[in-house]
Amino acid sequence: MLRFKFLVSAVPLIFAAILARVEFFPGSRPCIALGSGTIGIVSAPWHADLHAGFTDDPKVATVRVAISNNAEAADFAVVDDVNAADGNACEATPATQFIAISAPEAGGAPIIYLSHEEGPADYRIFVHSNRFTDRQAAALIVGAHGQPPHLATADL
């Protein structure tokens, strides 16, 4: 009987631990303002309007994104200071679109080849951030502009 009481008392603790992993009010996520709306990265794939996958094979990619070494040569630059974070820059509105970084097998999703090399690229990004990763910045630029048809289908 004592074992049963321990089991019954442990179930609420296990349930609370599972709920602690669920984000009811997510913290600041990487996002950009675009026109009258925003585009942001979301961790829950079922909440995403667009999925973007990544590959290491440029022949499989539908979008090529190069990481630039300077902001002037980039199509999209992210430079932030952790002490100057603006929490209201990307408030969720009905016009907000969410992007999830998924496996490349997601049907119809853009597949991004992220490269540090100079060469043909659909987009060039520069990221110097404590909140954004290169992959998140690439997913945001592809989500904001879509899949360009010219370079991703060209032969290497």
C-alpha atoms as a PDB file:
ATOM      1  CA  MET A   1       0.000   0.000   0.000  1.00  0.00           C
ATOM      2  CA  LEU A   2       2.860   2.339   0.784  1.00  0.00           C
ATOM      3  CA  ARG A   3       4.310   1.815  -2.722  1.00  0.00           C
ATOM      4  CA  PHE A   4       0.977   2.784  -4.242  1.00  0.00           C
ATOM      5  CA  LYS A   5       0.952   6.040  -2.224  1.00  0.00           C
ATOM      6  CA  PHE A   6       4.446   6.877  -3.492  1.00  0.00           C
ATOM      7  CA  LEU A   7       3.351   6.184  -7.053  1.00  0.00           C
ATOM      8  CA  VAL A   8       0.245   8.346  -6.691  1.00  0.00           C
ATOM      9  CA  SER A   9       2.282  11.201  -5.221  1.00  0.00           C
ATOM     10  CA  ALA A  10       4.884  10.947  -8.016  1.00  0.00           C
ATOM     11  CA  VAL A  11       2.368  11.215 -10.889  1.00  0.00           C
ATOM     12  CA  PRO A  12       1.631  14.942 -10.325  1.00  0.00           C
ATOM     13  CA  LEU A  13       5.367  15.652 -10.199  1.00  0.00           C
ATOM     14  CA  ILE A  14       5.929  13.834 -13.482  1.00  0.00           C
ATOM     15  CA  PHE A  15       3.001  15.710 -15.041  1.00  0.00           C
ATOM     16  CA  ALA A  16       4.408  19.049 -13.804  1.00  0.00           C
ATOM     17  CA  ALA A  17       7.812  18.218 -15.293  1.00  0.00           C
ATOM     18  CA  ILE A  18       6.229  17.497 -18.673  1.00  0.00           C
ATOM     19  CA  LEU A  19       4.244  20.742 -18.579  1.00  0.00           C
ATOM     20  CA  ALA A  20       7.391  22.683 -17.707  1.00  0.00           C
ATOM     21  CA  ARG A  21       8.788  21.764 -21.141  1.00  0.00           C
ATOM     22  CA  VAL A  22       5.722  23.184 -22.949  1.00  0.00           C
ATOM     23  CA  GLU A  23       5.956  26.873 -23.789  1.00  0.00           C
ATOM     24  CA  PHE A  24       2.678  28.591 -22.973  1.00  0.00           C
ATOM     25  CA  PHE A  25       4.228  32.047 -23.243  1.00  0.00           C
ATOM     26  CA  PRO A  26       7.361  31.720 -25.365  1.00  0.00           C
ATOM     27  CA  GLY A  27      10.248  34.103 -24.811  1.00  0.00           C
ATOM     28  CA  SER A  28      11.788  36.216 -27.510  1.00  0.00           C
ATOM     29  CA  ARG A  29      12.237  34.301 -30.741  1.00  0.00           C
ATOM     30  CA  PRO A  30      14.239  35.452 -33.741  1.00  0.00           C
ATOM     31  CA  CYS A  31      11.983  37.559 -35.920  1.00  0.00           C
ATOM     32  CA  ILE A  32      12.026  40.389 -38.446  1.00  0.00           C
ATOM     33  CA  ALA A  33       9.538  43.119 -39.267  1.00  0.00           C
ATOM     34  CA  LEU A  34       8.271  42.948 -42.832  1.00  0.00           C
ATOM     35  CA  GLY A  35       5.835  45.559 -44.097  1.00  0.00           C
ATOM     36  CA  SER A  36       2.839  45.619 -41.771  1.00  0.00           C
ATOM     37  CA  GLY A  37       3.555  42.189 -40.296  1.00  0.00           C
ATOM     38  CA  THR A  38       6.370  40.138 -38.909  1.00  0.00           C
ATOM     39  CA  ILE A  39       8.058  36.832 -39.672  1.00  0.00           C
ATOM     40  CA  GLY A  40       9.379  34.775 -36.801  1.00  0.00           C
ATOM     41  CA  ILE A  41      10.954  31.438 -36.006  1.00  0.00           C
ATOM     42  CA  VAL A  42       8.706  29.109 -34.058  1.00  0.00           C
ATOM     43  CA  SER A  43       9.706  25.906 -32.276  1.00  0.00           C
ATOM     44  CA  ALA A  44       6.341  24.167 -32.645  1.00  0.00           C
ATOM     45  CA  PRO A  45       6.145  22.799 -36.210  1.00  0.00           C
ATOM     46  CA  TRP A  46       2.346  22.509 -36.128  1.00  0.00           C
ATOM     47  CA  HIS A  47       2.117  26.276 -35.536  1.00  0.00           C
ATOM     48  CA  ALA A  48       4.256  27.194 -38.566  1.00  0.00           C
ATOM     49  CA  ASP A  49       2.956  28.769 -41.767  1.00  0.00           C
ATOM     50  CA  LEU A  50       6.140  27.769 -43.588  1.00  0.00           C
ATOM     51  CA  HIS A  51       8.700  25.041 -43.037  1.00  0.00           C
ATOM     52  CA  ALA A  52      12.313  25.358 -44.123  1.00  0.00           C
ATOM     53  CA  GLY A  53      14.824  22.530 -44.191  1.00  0.00           C
ATOM     54  CA  PHE A  54      18.608  22.527 -44.523  1.00  0.00           C
ATOM     55  CA  THR A  55      20.915  20.282 -46.494  1.00  0.00           C
ATOM     56  CA  ASP A  56      24.666  19.819 -46.891  1.00  0.00           C
ATOM     57  CA  ASP A  57      24.254  18.884 -50.564  1.00  0.00           C
ATOM     58  CA  PRO A  58      23.936  21.916 -52.890  1.00  0.00           C
ATOM     59  CA  LYS A  59      22.377  19.723 -55.613  1.00  0.00           C
ATOM     60  CA  VAL A  60      19.402  18.931 -53.371  1.00  0.00           C
ATOM     61  CA  ALA A  61      18.833  22.544 -52.302  1.00  0.00           C
ATOM     62  CA  THR A  62      16.069  24.734 -53.658  1.00  0.00           C
ATOM     63  CA  VAL A  63      17.647  27.906 -52.182  1.00  0.00           C
ATOM     64  CA  ARG A  64      21.313  28.756 -51.716  1.00  0.00           C
ATOM     65  CA  VAL A  65      22.288  31.131 -48.920  1.00  0.00           C
ATOM     66  CA  ALA A  66      25.876  32.309 -48.483  1.00  0.00           C
ATOM     67  CA  ILE A  67      27.240  33.684 -45.234  1.00  0.00           C
ATOM     68  CA  SER A  68      29.040  36.954 -45.954  1.00  0.00           C
ATOM     69  CA  ASN A  69      31.989  38.289 -44.000  1.00  0.00           C
ATOM     70  CA  ASN A  70      30.775  41.890 -44.136  1.00  0.00           C
ATOM     71  CA  ALA A  71      27.369  43.498 -43.767  1.00  0.00           C
ATOM     72  CA  GLU A  72      27.709  45.700 -46.870  1.00  0.00           C
ATOM     73  CA  ALA A  73      27.842  42.704 -49.216  1.00  0.00           C
ATOM     74  CA  ALA A  74      24.831  40.993 -47.619  1.00  0.00           C
ATOM     75  CA  ASP A  75      21.180  41.037 -48.663  1.00  0.00           C
ATOM     76  CA  PHE A  76      20.188  40.547 -45.030  1.00  0.00           C
ATOM     77  CA  ALA A  77      22.305  41.589 -42.043  1.00  0.00           C
ATOM     78  CA  VAL A  78      21.612  40.837 -38.395  1.00  0.00           C
ATOM     79  CA  VAL A  79      23.695  42.703 -35.859  1.00  0.00           C
ATOM     80  CA  ASP A  80      22.467  42.964 -32.302  1.00  0.00           C
ATOM     81  CA  ASP A  81      23.634  43.786 -28.841  1.00  0.00           C
ATOM     82  CA  VAL A  82      22.361  41.588 -26.044  1.00  0.00           C
ATOM     83  CA  ASN A  83      22.032  44.632 -23.735  1.00  0.00           C
ATOM     84  CA  ALA A  84      19.892  46.560 -26.239  1.00  0.00           C
ATOM     85  CA  ALA A  85      17.243  43.939 -26.940  1.00  0.00           C
ATOM     86  CA  ASP A  86      13.888  45.422 -27.908  1.00  0.00           C
ATOM     87  CA  GLY A  87      11.150  43.112 -26.718  1.00  0.00           C
ATOM     88  CA  ASN A  88       8.394  44.898 -28.683  1.00  0.00           C
ATOM     89  CA  ALA A  89      10.036  44.734 -32.119  1.00  0.00           C
ATOM     90  CA  CYS A  90       8.172  41.617 -33.210  1.00  0.00           C
ATOM     91  CA  GLU A  91       4.893  41.366 -31.398  1.00  0.00           C
ATOM     92  CA  ALA A  92       2.643  38.666 -32.787  1.00  0.00           C
ATOM     93  CA  THR A  93      -0.259  40.018 -34.830  1.00  0.00           C
ATOM     94  CA  PRO A  94      -2.768  38.329 -37.129  1.00  0.00           C
ATOM     95  CA  ALA A  95      -0.398  39.176 -40.008  1.00  0.00           C
ATOM     96  CA  THR A  96       2.549  37.377 -38.359  1.00  0.00           C
ATOM     97  CA  GLN A  97       3.923  34.430 -40.290  1.00  0.00           C
ATOM     98  CA  PHE A  98       5.782  31.700 -38.463  1.00  0.00           C
ATOM     99  CA  ILE A  99       8.618  29.603 -39.867  1.00  0.00           C
ATOM    100  CA  ALA A 100       9.740  26.268 -38.447  1.00  0.00           C
ATOM    101  CA  ILE A 101      13.089  24.718 -39.224  1.00  0.00           C
ATOM    102  CA  SER A 102      12.169  21.160 -40.144  1.00  0.00           C
ATOM    103  CA  ALA A 103      13.690  18.110 -41.747  1.00  0.00           C
ATOM    104  CA  PRO A 104      14.364  18.590 -45.486  1.00  0.00           C
ATOM    105  CA  GLU A 105      11.767  15.949 -46.284  1.00  0.00           C
ATOM    106  CA  ALA A 106       8.841  18.276 -45.477  1.00  0.00           C
ATOM    107  CA  GLY A 107       6.761  18.325 -48.668  1.00  0.00           C
ATOM    108  CA  GLY A 108       7.032  21.554 -50.646  1.00  0.00           C
ATOM    109  CA  ALA A 109       9.257  23.247 -48.076  1.00  0.00           C
ATOM    110  CA  PRO A 110      12.287  25.188 -49.272  1.00  0.00           C
ATOM    111  CA  ILE A 111      15.522  23.289 -48.766  1.00  0.00           C
ATOM    112  CA  ILE A 112      18.353  25.658 -47.912  1.00  0.00           C
ATOM    113  CA  TYR A 113      22.022  25.080 -48.630  1.00  0.00           C
ATOM    114  CA  LEU A 114      23.977  27.295 -46.229  1.00  0.00           C
ATOM    115  CA  SER A 115      27.529  28.001 -47.368  1.00  0.00           C
ATOM    116  CA  HIS A 116      30.518  29.932 -46.011  1.00  0.00           C
ATOM    117  CA  GLU A 117      32.125  29.960 -49.449  1.00  0.00           C
ATOM    118  CA  GLU A 118      31.977  32.725 -52.036  1.00  0.00           C
ATOM    119  CA  GLY A 119      30.112  31.659 -55.113  1.00  0.00           C
ATOM    120  CA  PRO A 120      26.628  31.591 -56.553  1.00  0.00           C
ATOM    121  CA  ALA A 121      23.920  32.268 -53.986  1.00  0.00           C
ATOM    122  CA  ASP A 122      20.304  33.335 -54.035  1.00  0.00           C
ATOM    123  CA  TYR A 123      20.794  35.358 -50.861  1.00  0.00           C
ATOM    124  CA  ARG A 124      23.767  36.569 -48.840  1.00  0.00           C
ATOM    125  CA  ILE A 125      23.471  37.026 -45.088  1.00  0.00           C
ATOM    126  CA  PHE A 126      25.671  38.558 -42.417  1.00  0.00           C
ATOM    127  CA  VAL A 127      25.005  37.474 -38.830  1.00  0.00           C
ATOM    128  CA  HIS A 128      26.713  38.924 -35.769  1.00  0.00           C
ATOM    129  CA  SER A 129      24.188  38.162 -33.065  1.00  0.00           C
ATOM    130  CA  ASN A 130      23.697  36.672 -29.652  1.00  0.00           C
ATOM    131  CA  ARG A 131      20.058  35.790 -30.413  1.00  0.00           C
ATOM    132  CA  PHE A 132      20.110  34.666 -34.080  1.00  0.00           C
ATOM    133  CA  THR A 133      21.969  31.712 -35.556  1.00  0.00           C
ATOM    134  CA  ASP A 134      23.039  31.546 -39.198  1.00  0.00           C
ATOM    135  CA  ARG A 135      20.351  28.929 -39.845  1.00  0.00           C
ATOM    136  CA  GLN A 136      17.618  31.058 -38.288  1.00  0.00           C
ATOM    137  CA  ALA A 137      18.663  34.106 -40.315  1.00  0.00           C
ATOM    138  CA  ALA A 138      18.691  32.025 -43.504  1.00  0.00           C
ATOM    139  CA  ALA A 139      15.218  30.637 -42.742  1.00  0.00           C
ATOM    140  CA  LEU A 140      13.919  34.164 -42.100  1.00  0.00           C
ATOM    141  CA  ILE A 141      15.269  35.603 -45.370  1.00  0.00           C
ATOM    142  CA  VAL A 142      13.875  32.676 -47.359  1.00  0.00           C
ATOM    143  CA  GLY A 143      10.542  33.016 -45.552  1.00  0.00           C
ATOM    144  CA  ALA A 144      10.433  36.741 -46.254  1.00  0.00           C
ATOM    145  CA  HIS A 145      11.361  36.540 -49.941  1.00  0.00           C
ATOM    146  CA  GLY A 146      10.449  33.013 -50.982  1.00  0.00           C
ATOM    147  CA  GLN A 147      12.329  30.650 -53.259  1.00  0.00           C
ATOM    148  CA  PRO A 148      14.065  32.383 -56.152  1.00  0.00           C
ATOM    149  CA  PRO A 149      13.942  30.175 -59.252  1.00  0.00           C
ATOM    150  CA  HIS A 150      17.257  31.087 -60.874  1.00  0.00           C
ATOM    151  CA  LEU A 151      20.307  29.863 -58.886  1.00  0.00           C
ATOM    152  CA  ALA A 152      18.863  26.957 -56.947  1.00  0.00           C
ATOM    153  CA  THR A 153      18.050  25.101 -60.156  1.00  0.00           C
ATOM    154  CA  ALA A 154      21.305  25.984 -61.923  1.00  0.00           C
ATOM    155  CA  ASP A 155      24.025  23.369 -62.323  1.00  0.00           C
ATOM    156  CA  LEU A 156      27.053  23.687 -60.097  1.00  0.00           C
END
